[in-house]
Amino acid sequence: MQKLRLTMNEVCHFLSVQRDKLNKMVKDDPTFPRPIKEGSTRQSAVYFDHNELIEWWEVKKQTRYS
């Protein structure tokens, strides 16, 4: 069973990127899935939705030759 939400470290591993690259993708790519913050404090955990990441990747693959 696949996890529904992934931590930043898991997303880095999943996409084979470093944390600074992931942060740049979130900041600079409007199509990249937005992180979901678990609480309201600065220390609250941040997660990404697994399905949104898969959808983003599929669209990215389809548009690579356009």
PDB file of N, CA and C in Angstrom:
ATOM      1  N   MET A   1       0.844  -1.180   0.000  1.00  0.00           N
ATOM      2  CA  MET A   1       0.000   0.000   0.000  1.00  0.00           C
ATOM      3  C   MET A   1       0.890   1.244   0.000  1.00  0.00           C
ATOM      4  N   GLN A   2       0.579   2.171  -0.885  1.00  0.00           N
ATOM      5  CA  GLN A   2       1.346   3.410  -1.003  1.00  0.00           C
ATOM      6  C   GLN A   2       0.849   4.435   0.008  1.00  0.00           C
ATOM      7  N   LYS A   3       1.790   5.162   0.600  1.00  0.00           N
ATOM      8  CA  LYS A   3       1.433   6.235   1.531  1.00  0.00           C
ATOM      9  C   LYS A   3       0.729   7.353   0.771  1.00  0.00           C
ATOM     10  N   LEU A   4      -0.255   7.977   1.386  1.00  0.00           N
ATOM     11  CA  LEU A   4      -0.966   9.088   0.765  1.00  0.00           C
ATOM     12  C   LEU A   4      -0.171  10.383   0.838  1.00  0.00           C
ATOM     13  N   ARG A   5       0.553  10.570   1.921  1.00  0.00           N
ATOM     14  CA  ARG A   5       1.322  11.796   2.074  1.00  0.00           C
ATOM     15  C   ARG A   5       2.791  11.442   2.301  1.00  0.00           C
ATOM     16  N   LEU A   6       3.639  12.276   1.722  1.00  0.00           N
ATOM     17  CA  LEU A   6       5.071  12.051   1.782  1.00  0.00           C
ATOM     18  C   LEU A   6       5.755  13.248   2.431  1.00  0.00           C
ATOM     19  N   THR A   7       6.781  12.977   3.231  1.00  0.00           N
ATOM     20  CA  THR A   7       7.568  14.052   3.821  1.00  0.00           C
ATOM     21  C   THR A   7       8.485  14.644   2.756  1.00  0.00           C
ATOM     22  N   MET A   8       9.101  15.760   3.074  1.00  0.00           N
ATOM     23  CA  MET A   8      10.025  16.380   2.121  1.00  0.00           C
ATOM     24  C   MET A   8      11.167  15.426   1.789  1.00  0.00           C
ATOM     25  N   ASN A   9      11.691  14.721   2.788  1.00  0.00           N
ATOM     26  CA  ASN A   9      12.781  13.778   2.531  1.00  0.00           C
ATOM     27  C   ASN A   9      12.323  12.642   1.624  1.00  0.00           C
ATOM     28  N   GLU A  10      11.121  12.166   1.837  1.00  0.00           N
ATOM     29  CA  GLU A  10      10.595  11.093   0.987  1.00  0.00           C
ATOM     30  C   GLU A  10      10.395  11.582  -0.447  1.00  0.00           C
ATOM     31  N   VAL A  11       9.922  12.821  -0.614  1.00  0.00           N
ATOM     32  CA  VAL A  11       9.736  13.381  -1.952  1.00  0.00           C
ATOM     33  C   VAL A  11      11.087  13.552  -2.633  1.00  0.00           C
ATOM     34  N   CYS A  12      12.089  13.998  -1.897  1.00  0.00           N
ATOM     35  CA  CYS A  12      13.437  14.123  -2.464  1.00  0.00           C
ATOM     36  C   CYS A  12      13.925  12.773  -2.970  1.00  0.00           C
ATOM     37  N   HIS A  13      13.728  11.757  -2.185  1.00  0.00           N
ATOM     38  CA  HIS A  13      14.131  10.412  -2.598  1.00  0.00           C
ATOM     39  C   HIS A  13      13.296   9.938  -3.789  1.00  0.00           C
ATOM     40  N   PHE A  14      12.009  10.176  -3.733  1.00  0.00           N
ATOM     41  CA  PHE A  14      11.064   9.768  -4.770  1.00  0.00           C
ATOM     42  C   PHE A  14      11.414  10.396  -6.123  1.00  0.00           C
ATOM     43  N   LEU A  15      11.801  11.682  -6.108  1.00  0.00           N
ATOM     44  CA  LEU A  15      12.122  12.408  -7.337  1.00  0.00           C
ATOM     45  C   LEU A  15      13.616  12.423  -7.653  1.00  0.00           C
ATOM     46  N   SER A  16      14.410  11.852  -6.765  1.00  0.00           N
ATOM     47  CA  SER A  16      15.877  11.835  -6.927  1.00  0.00           C
ATOM     48  C   SER A  16      16.454  13.241  -7.047  1.00  0.00           C
ATOM     49  N   VAL A  17      16.048  14.109  -6.128  1.00  0.00           N
ATOM     50  CA  VAL A  17      16.578  15.466  -6.085  1.00  0.00           C
ATOM     51  C   VAL A  17      17.018  15.792  -4.661  1.00  0.00           C
ATOM     52  N   GLN A  18      17.877  16.798  -4.552  1.00  0.00           N
ATOM     53  CA  GLN A  18      18.290  17.292  -3.247  1.00  0.00           C
ATOM     54  C   GLN A  18      17.212  18.221  -2.696  1.00  0.00           C
ATOM     55  N   ARG A  19      17.267  18.470  -1.405  1.00  0.00           N
ATOM     56  CA  ARG A  19      16.253  19.298  -0.749  1.00  0.00           C
ATOM     57  C   ARG A  19      16.203  20.720  -1.320  1.00  0.00           C
ATOM     58  N   ASP A  20      17.361  21.294  -1.626  1.00  0.00           N
ATOM     59  CA  ASP A  20      17.358  22.653  -2.183  1.00  0.00           C
ATOM     60  C   ASP A  20      16.706  22.689  -3.564  1.00  0.00           C
ATOM     61  N   LYS A  21      16.871  21.626  -4.348  1.00  0.00           N
ATOM     62  CA  LYS A  21      16.216  21.529  -5.655  1.00  0.00           C
ATOM     63  C   LYS A  21      14.700  21.416  -5.482  1.00  0.00           C
ATOM     64  N   LEU A  22      14.258  20.621  -4.513  1.00  0.00           N
ATOM     65  CA  LEU A  22      12.828  20.492  -4.240  1.00  0.00           C
ATOM     66  C   LEU A  22      12.239  21.841  -3.851  1.00  0.00           C
ATOM     67  N   ASN A  23      12.925  22.569  -2.981  1.00  0.00           N
ATOM     68  CA  ASN A  23      12.445  23.897  -2.576  1.00  0.00           C
ATOM     69  C   ASN A  23      12.366  24.836  -3.774  1.00  0.00           C
ATOM     70  N   LYS A  24      13.333  24.755  -4.677  1.00  0.00           N
ATOM     71  CA  LYS A  24      13.319  25.583  -5.888  1.00  0.00           C
ATOM     72  C   LYS A  24      12.141  25.204  -6.784  1.00  0.00           C
ATOM     73  N   MET A  25      11.851  23.918  -6.896  1.00  0.00           N
ATOM     74  CA  MET A  25      10.717  23.469  -7.705  1.00  0.00           C
ATOM     75  C   MET A  25       9.409  24.008  -7.131  1.00  0.00           C
ATOM     76  N   VAL A  26       9.259  23.937  -5.823  1.00  0.00           N
ATOM     77  CA  VAL A  26       8.040  24.442  -5.171  1.00  0.00           C
ATOM     78  C   VAL A  26       7.901  25.936  -5.415  1.00  0.00           C
ATOM     79  N   LYS A  27       9.015  26.652  -5.328  1.00  0.00           N
ATOM     80  CA  LYS A  27       8.991  28.108  -5.474  1.00  0.00           C
ATOM     81  C   LYS A  27       8.794  28.555  -6.920  1.00  0.00           C
ATOM     82  N   ASP A  28       9.488  27.893  -7.859  1.00  0.00           N
ATOM     83  CA  ASP A  28       9.554  28.398  -9.234  1.00  0.00           C
ATOM     84  C   ASP A  28       8.615  27.732 -10.229  1.00  0.00           C
ATOM     85  N   ASP A  29       8.119  26.552  -9.923  1.00  0.00           N
ATOM     86  CA  ASP A  29       7.261  25.827 -10.863  1.00  0.00           C
ATOM     87  C   ASP A  29       5.811  25.884 -10.389  1.00  0.00           C
ATOM     88  N   PRO A  30       4.980  26.708 -11.037  1.00  0.00           N
ATOM     89  CA  PRO A  30       3.584  26.837 -10.586  1.00  0.00           C
ATOM     90  C   PRO A  30       2.773  25.551 -10.764  1.00  0.00           C
ATOM     91  N   THR A  31       3.267  24.620 -11.576  1.00  0.00           N
ATOM     92  CA  THR A  31       2.538  23.364 -11.772  1.00  0.00           C
ATOM     93  C   THR A  31       2.907  22.316 -10.732  1.00  0.00           C
ATOM     94  N   PHE A  32       3.961  22.557  -9.973  1.00  0.00           N
ATOM     95  CA  PHE A  32       4.392  21.576  -8.969  1.00  0.00           C
ATOM     96  C   PHE A  32       3.411  21.566  -7.802  1.00  0.00           C
ATOM     97  N   PRO A  33       3.075  20.381  -7.294  1.00  0.00           N
ATOM     98  CA  PRO A  33       2.109  20.297  -6.183  1.00  0.00           C
ATOM     99  C   PRO A  33       2.546  21.114  -4.966  1.00  0.00           C
ATOM    100  N   ARG A  34       1.591  21.801  -4.396  1.00  0.00           N
ATOM    101  CA  ARG A  34       1.849  22.615  -3.206  1.00  0.00           C
ATOM    102  C   ARG A  34       1.949  21.719  -1.972  1.00  0.00           C
ATOM    103  N   PRO A  35       2.886  22.027  -1.080  1.00  0.00           N
ATOM    104  CA  PRO A  35       2.975  21.257   0.165  1.00  0.00           C
ATOM    105  C   PRO A  35       1.778  21.530   1.077  1.00  0.00           C
ATOM    106  N   ILE A  36       1.479  20.559   1.908  1.00  0.00           N
ATOM    107  CA  ILE A  36       0.377  20.662   2.861  1.00  0.00           C
ATOM    108  C   ILE A  36       0.982  20.734   4.255  1.00  0.00           C
ATOM    109  N   LYS A  37       0.708  21.820   4.966  1.00  0.00           N
ATOM    110  CA  LYS A  37       1.248  21.987   6.306  1.00  0.00           C
ATOM    111  C   LYS A  37       0.293  21.367   7.321  1.00  0.00           C
ATOM    112  N   GLU A  38       0.843  20.549   8.208  1.00  0.00           N
ATOM    113  CA  GLU A  38       0.049  19.786   9.173  1.00  0.00           C
ATOM    114  C   GLU A  38      -0.578  20.667  10.265  1.00  0.00           C
ATOM    115  N   GLY A  39       0.116  21.716  10.674  1.00  0.00           N
ATOM    116  CA  GLY A  39      -0.399  22.575  11.742  1.00  0.00           C
ATOM    117  C   GLY A  39      -0.191  24.031  11.417  1.00  0.00           C
ATOM    118  N   SER A  40      -0.288  24.879  12.433  1.00  0.00           N
ATOM    119  CA  SER A  40      -0.187  26.316  12.188  1.00  0.00           C
ATOM    120  C   SER A  40       1.134  26.919  12.664  1.00  0.00           C
ATOM    121  N   THR A  41       1.959  26.138  13.346  1.00  0.00           N
ATOM    122  CA  THR A  41       3.230  26.675  13.828  1.00  0.00           C
ATOM    123  C   THR A  41       4.331  26.484  12.789  1.00  0.00           C
ATOM    124  N   ARG A  42       5.416  27.210  12.973  1.00  0.00           N
ATOM    125  CA  ARG A  42       6.543  27.096  12.030  1.00  0.00           C
ATOM    126  C   ARG A  42       7.137  25.697  12.023  1.00  0.00           C
ATOM    127  N   GLN A  43       7.090  25.004  13.144  1.00  0.00           N
ATOM    128  CA  GLN A  43       7.684  23.683  13.264  1.00  0.00           C
ATOM    129  C   GLN A  43       6.769  22.560  12.779  1.00  0.00           C
ATOM    130  N   SER A  44       5.581  22.907  12.356  1.00  0.00           N
ATOM    131  CA  SER A  44       4.627  21.890  11.898  1.00  0.00           C
ATOM    132  C   SER A  44       5.177  21.146  10.691  1.00  0.00           C
ATOM    133  N   ALA A  45       4.872  19.878  10.637  1.00  0.00           N
ATOM    134  CA  ALA A  45       5.335  19.034   9.536  1.00  0.00           C
ATOM    135  C   ALA A  45       4.688  19.451   8.221  1.00  0.00           C
ATOM    136  N   VAL A  46       5.446  19.257   7.141  1.00  0.00           N
ATOM    137  CA  VAL A  46       4.980  19.573   5.797  1.00  0.00           C
ATOM    138  C   VAL A  46       4.954  18.281   4.999  1.00  0.00           C
ATOM    139  N   TYR A  47       3.872  18.056   4.288  1.00  0.00           N
ATOM    140  CA  TYR A  47       3.704  16.842   3.498  1.00  0.00           C
ATOM    141  C   TYR A  47       3.310  17.188   2.071  1.00  0.00           C
ATOM    142  N   PHE A  48       3.543  16.239   1.179  1.00  0.00           N
ATOM    143  CA  PHE A  48       3.099  16.341  -0.201  1.00  0.00           C
ATOM    144  C   PHE A  48       2.170  15.176  -0.480  1.00  0.00           C
ATOM    145  N   ASP A  49       1.151  15.423  -1.288  1.00  0.00           N
ATOM    146  CA  ASP A  49       0.201  14.376  -1.659  1.00  0.00           C
ATOM    147  C   ASP A  49       0.816  13.496  -2.745  1.00  0.00           C
ATOM    148  N   HIS A  50       0.840  12.206  -2.499  1.00  0.00           N
ATOM    149  CA  HIS A  50       1.454  11.257  -3.434  1.00  0.00           C
ATOM    150  C   HIS A  50       0.790  11.308  -4.805  1.00  0.00           C
ATOM    151  N   ASN A  51      -0.529  11.321  -4.841  1.00  0.00           N
ATOM    152  CA  ASN A  51      -1.251  11.327  -6.115  1.00  0.00           C
ATOM    153  C   ASN A  51      -0.996  12.604  -6.922  1.00  0.00           C
ATOM    154  N   GLU A  52      -0.893  13.741  -6.248  1.00  0.00           N
ATOM    155  CA  GLU A  52      -0.588  14.985  -6.945  1.00  0.00           C
ATOM    156  C   GLU A  52       0.796  14.942  -7.577  1.00  0.00           C
ATOM    157  N   LEU A  53       1.749  14.330  -6.878  1.00  0.00           N
ATOM    158  CA  LEU A  53       3.096  14.197  -7.435  1.00  0.00           C
ATOM    159  C   LEU A  53       3.096  13.308  -8.676  1.00  0.00           C
ATOM    160  N   ILE A  54       2.347  12.217  -8.620  1.00  0.00           N
ATOM    161  CA  ILE A  54       2.257  11.306  -9.767  1.00  0.00           C
ATOM    162  C   ILE A  54       1.611  12.026 -10.949  1.00  0.00           C
ATOM    163  N   GLU A  55       0.521  12.737 -10.702  1.00  0.00           N
ATOM    164  CA  GLU A  55      -0.160  13.489 -11.777  1.00  0.00           C
ATOM    165  C   GLU A  55       0.765  14.537 -12.379  1.00  0.00           C
ATOM    166  N   TRP A  56       1.497  15.273 -11.529  1.00  0.00           N
ATOM    167  CA  TRP A  56       2.434  16.281 -12.006  1.00  0.00           C
ATOM    168  C   TRP A  56       3.487  15.639 -12.913  1.00  0.00           C
ATOM    169  N   TRP A  57       4.012  14.503 -12.493  1.00  0.00           N
ATOM    170  CA  TRP A  57       5.043  13.823 -13.276  1.00  0.00           C
ATOM    171  C   TRP A  57       4.495  13.346 -14.623  1.00  0.00           C
ATOM    172  N   GLU A  58       3.281  12.821 -14.642  1.00  0.00           N
ATOM    173  CA  GLU A  58       2.680  12.360 -15.897  1.00  0.00           C
ATOM    174  C   GLU A  58       2.487  13.519 -16.877  1.00  0.00           C
ATOM    175  N   VAL A  59       2.019  14.659 -16.390  1.00  0.00           N
ATOM    176  CA  VAL A  59       1.852  15.833 -17.244  1.00  0.00           C
ATOM    177  C   VAL A  59       3.214  16.308 -17.741  1.00  0.00           C
ATOM    178  N   LYS A  60       4.204  16.294 -16.864  1.00  0.00           N
ATOM    179  CA  LYS A  60       5.557  16.705 -17.231  1.00  0.00           C
ATOM    180  C   LYS A  60       6.096  15.815 -18.358  1.00  0.00           C
ATOM    181  N   LYS A  61       5.862  14.531 -18.254  1.00  0.00           N
ATOM    182  CA  LYS A  61       6.318  13.604 -19.292  1.00  0.00           C
ATOM    183  C   LYS A  61       5.598  13.851 -20.617  1.00  0.00           C
ATOM    184  N   GLN A  62       4.308  14.116 -20.565  1.00  0.00           N
ATOM    185  CA  GLN A  62       3.521  14.329 -21.791  1.00  0.00           C
ATOM    186  C   GLN A  62       3.932  15.609 -22.511  1.00  0.00           C
ATOM    187  N   THR A  63       4.340  16.620 -21.777  1.00  0.00           N
ATOM    188  CA  THR A  63       4.653  17.909 -22.381  1.00  0.00           C
ATOM    189  C   THR A  63       6.131  18.064 -22.727  1.00  0.00           C
ATOM    190  N   ARG A  64       6.941  17.071 -22.490  1.00  0.00           N
ATOM    191  CA  ARG A  64       8.374  17.221 -22.724  1.00  0.00           C
ATOM    192  C   ARG A  64       8.736  17.378 -24.194  1.00  0.00           C
ATOM    193  N   TYR A  65       7.906  16.909 -25.107  1.00  0.00           N
ATOM    194  CA  TYR A  65       8.196  17.018 -26.526  1.00  0.00           C
ATOM    195  C   TYR A  65       7.427  18.153 -27.196  1.00  0.00           C
ATOM    196  N   SER A  66       6.681  18.891 -26.426  1.00  0.00           N
ATOM    197  CA  SER A  66       5.878  19.995 -26.998  1.00  0.00           C
ATOM    198  C   SER A  66       6.722  21.240 -27.185  1.00  0.00           C
TER     199      SER A  66
END
